[in-house]
C-alpha atoms as a PDB file:
ATOM      1  CA  MET A   1      11.790 -12.126   0.149  1.00  0.00           C
ATOM      2  CA  ASP A   2      12.867  -8.618  -1.194  1.00  0.00           C
ATOM      3  CA  LEU A   3      10.309  -5.635  -0.762  1.00  0.00           C
ATOM      4  CA  ARG A   4      10.188  -6.305  -4.471  1.00  0.00           C
ATOM      5  CA  GLU A   5       8.477  -9.667  -4.020  1.00  0.00           C
ATOM      6  CA  GLU A   6       6.669  -8.613  -1.062  1.00  0.00           C
ATOM      7  CA  LYS A   7       4.856  -6.103  -2.826  1.00  0.00           C
ATOM      8  CA  VAL A   8       3.928  -8.563  -5.556  1.00  0.00           C
ATOM      9  CA  ALA A   9       2.523 -10.472  -3.184  1.00  0.00           C
ATOM     10  CA  PHE A  10       0.430  -7.722  -1.223  1.00  0.00           C
ATOM     11  CA  ILE A  11      -0.815  -7.114  -4.466  1.00  0.00           C
ATOM     12  CA  SER A  12      -1.960 -10.727  -5.371  1.00  0.00           C
ATOM     13  CA  GLN A  13      -3.662 -10.821  -1.892  1.00  0.00           C
ATOM     14  CA  LEU A  14      -5.523  -7.220  -2.146  1.00  0.00           C
ATOM     15  CA  GLU A  15      -8.839  -8.476  -3.279  1.00  0.00           C
ATOM     16  CA  THR A  16      -9.014 -10.630   0.009  1.00  0.00           C
ATOM     17  CA  LEU A  17      -7.671  -8.062   2.178  1.00  0.00           C
ATOM     18  CA  LEU A  18     -10.141  -5.410   1.038  1.00  0.00           C
ATOM     19  CA  LEU A  19     -12.849  -7.393   1.869  1.00  0.00           C
ATOM     20  CA  GLU A  20     -12.202  -6.841   5.671  1.00  0.00           C
ATOM     21  CA  HIS A  21      -9.134  -4.053   5.768  1.00  0.00           C
ATOM     22  CA  LEU A  22     -10.019  -0.977   3.459  1.00  0.00           C
ATOM     23  CA  GLY A  23      -8.237   1.361   4.681  1.00  0.00           C
ATOM     24  CA  LYS A  24      -6.172  -0.182   7.309  1.00  0.00           C
ATOM     25  CA  TRP A  25      -1.949  -0.370   7.522  1.00  0.00           C
ATOM     26  CA  VAL A  26      -0.785  -3.780   6.868  1.00  0.00           C
ATOM     27  CA  VAL A  27       2.723  -5.145   8.074  1.00  0.00           C
ATOM     28  CA  PHE A  28       3.776  -7.522   5.426  1.00  0.00           C
ATOM     29  CA  LYS A  29       6.416  -9.743   5.812  1.00  0.00           C
ATOM     30  CA  ASP A  30       7.815 -13.670   4.094  1.00  0.00           C
ATOM     31  CA  GLY A  31       4.287 -12.969   1.579  1.00  0.00           C
ATOM     32  CA  LEU A  32       2.111 -12.671   4.373  1.00  0.00           C
ATOM     33  CA  PRO A  33      -0.363  -9.993   6.011  1.00  0.00           C
ATOM     34  CA  ILE A  34       1.205 -10.078   9.984  1.00  0.00           C
ATOM     35  CA  SER A  35      -0.868  -7.460  11.435  1.00  0.00           C
ATOM     36  CA  PHE A  36      -3.415  -4.238  10.554  1.00  0.00           C
ATOM     37  CA  HIS A  37      -3.156  -1.190  11.949  1.00  0.00           C
ATOM     38  CA  GLY A  38      -5.118   2.151  11.597  1.00  0.00           C
ATOM     39  CA  THR A  39      -2.302   4.792  10.838  1.00  0.00           C
ATOM     40  CA  SER A  40       0.929   4.100   9.012  1.00  0.00           C
ATOM     41  CA  ASP A  41       3.059   4.962  12.356  1.00  0.00           C
ATOM     42  CA  GLU A  42       1.121   2.352  14.377  1.00  0.00           C
ATOM     43  CA  ALA A  43       2.239  -0.176  11.746  1.00  0.00           C
ATOM     44  CA  TYR A  44       5.541   0.775  11.465  1.00  0.00           C
ATOM     45  CA  ARG A  45       6.414   0.539  15.277  1.00  0.00           C
ATOM     46  CA  ALA A  46       4.279  -2.978  15.121  1.00  0.00           C
ATOM     47  CA  GLY A  47       7.085  -3.963  12.219  1.00  0.00           C
ATOM     48  CA  LEU A  48       9.463  -2.793  14.197  1.00  0.00           C
ATOM     49  CA  GLU A  49       8.868  -4.687  17.580  1.00  0.00           C
ATOM     50  CA  LYS A  50       8.527  -7.971  15.677  1.00  0.00           C
ATOM     51  CA  PHE A  51      11.235  -7.732  13.515  1.00  0.00           C
ATOM     52  CA  GLY A  52      13.733  -5.299  14.403  1.00  0.00           C
ATOM     53  CA  PRO A  53      15.301  -2.512  11.494  1.00  0.00           C
ATOM     54  CA  GLY A  54      14.764  -5.622   9.343  1.00  0.00           C
ATOM     55  CA  GLU A  55      12.897  -5.180   5.972  1.00  0.00           C
ATOM     56  CA  PHE A  56       9.043  -5.465   6.066  1.00  0.00           C
ATOM     57  CA  LEU A  57       6.327  -3.658   3.797  1.00  0.00           C
ATOM     58  CA  LEU A  58       4.112  -1.652   5.015  1.00  0.00           C
ATOM     59  CA  ASP A  59       1.320  -0.670   2.612  1.00  0.00           C
ATOM     60  CA  GLN A  60      -2.515   0.235   2.995  1.00  0.00           C
ATOM     61  CA  VAL A  61      -5.416  -1.835   1.700  1.00  0.00           C
ATOM     62  CA  MET A  62      -6.789   0.512  -0.638  1.00  0.00           C
ATOM     63  CA  THR A  63      -8.130   0.049  -4.238  1.00  0.00           C
ATOM     64  CA  GLN A  64      -6.287   1.175  -7.100  1.00  0.00           C
ATOM     65  CA  LYS A  65      -5.934   4.979  -7.534  1.00  0.00           C
ATOM     66  CA  LYS A  66      -5.109   6.671 -10.802  1.00  0.00           C
ATOM     67  CA  LYS A  67      -1.941   8.253 -10.601  1.00  0.00           C
ATOM     68  CA  THR A  68      -1.203  11.875 -11.857  1.00  0.00           C
ATOM     69  CA  ILE A  69       1.712  11.697 -13.724  1.00  0.00           C
ATOM     70  CA  SER A  70       1.347  16.185 -14.364  1.00  0.00           C
ATOM     71  CA  PHE A  71      -1.037  18.129 -13.033  1.00  0.00           C
ATOM     72  CA  LEU A  72      -1.391  20.255 -15.841  1.00  0.00           C
ATOM     73  CA  LEU A  73      -1.372  17.040 -18.106  1.00  0.00           C
ATOM     74  CA  ASP A  74      -4.356  16.001 -16.186  1.00  0.00           C
ATOM     75  CA  TYR A  75      -6.037  19.174 -15.886  1.00  0.00           C
ATOM     76  CA  ARG A  76      -5.640  19.241 -19.948  1.00  0.00           C
ATOM     77  CA  MET A  77      -7.341  15.913 -19.849  1.00  0.00           C
ATOM     78  CA  GLN A  78     -10.118  16.686 -18.022  1.00  0.00           C
ATOM     79  CA  ARG A  79     -10.937  20.269 -19.797  1.00  0.00           C
ATOM     80  CA  GLY A  80     -10.223  18.382 -23.576  1.00  0.00           C
ATOM     81  CA  SER A  81      -8.553  20.938 -25.636  1.00  0.00           C
ATOM     82  CA  GLU A  82      -8.998  23.927 -23.989  1.00  0.00           C
ATOM     83  CA  GLY A  83      -6.158  24.131 -22.006  1.00  0.00           C
END
């Protein structure tokens, strides 16, 4: 699987992962969670140890967040037409 496919698999399993692993970093490979870690550095090292420098996905198990496209746009939306 390429990283795009890994990300799709991660997102499809996110609801289940949130139940037990909220806030943890996951090493994801071949569409499956391999291990969970407290920091991104720990997850990266675990991925390297298990798979070497090849492709594997690291992601944090978190609920979806709003992404700010522009600080000014976000500020204006919060303040209404005042900004």
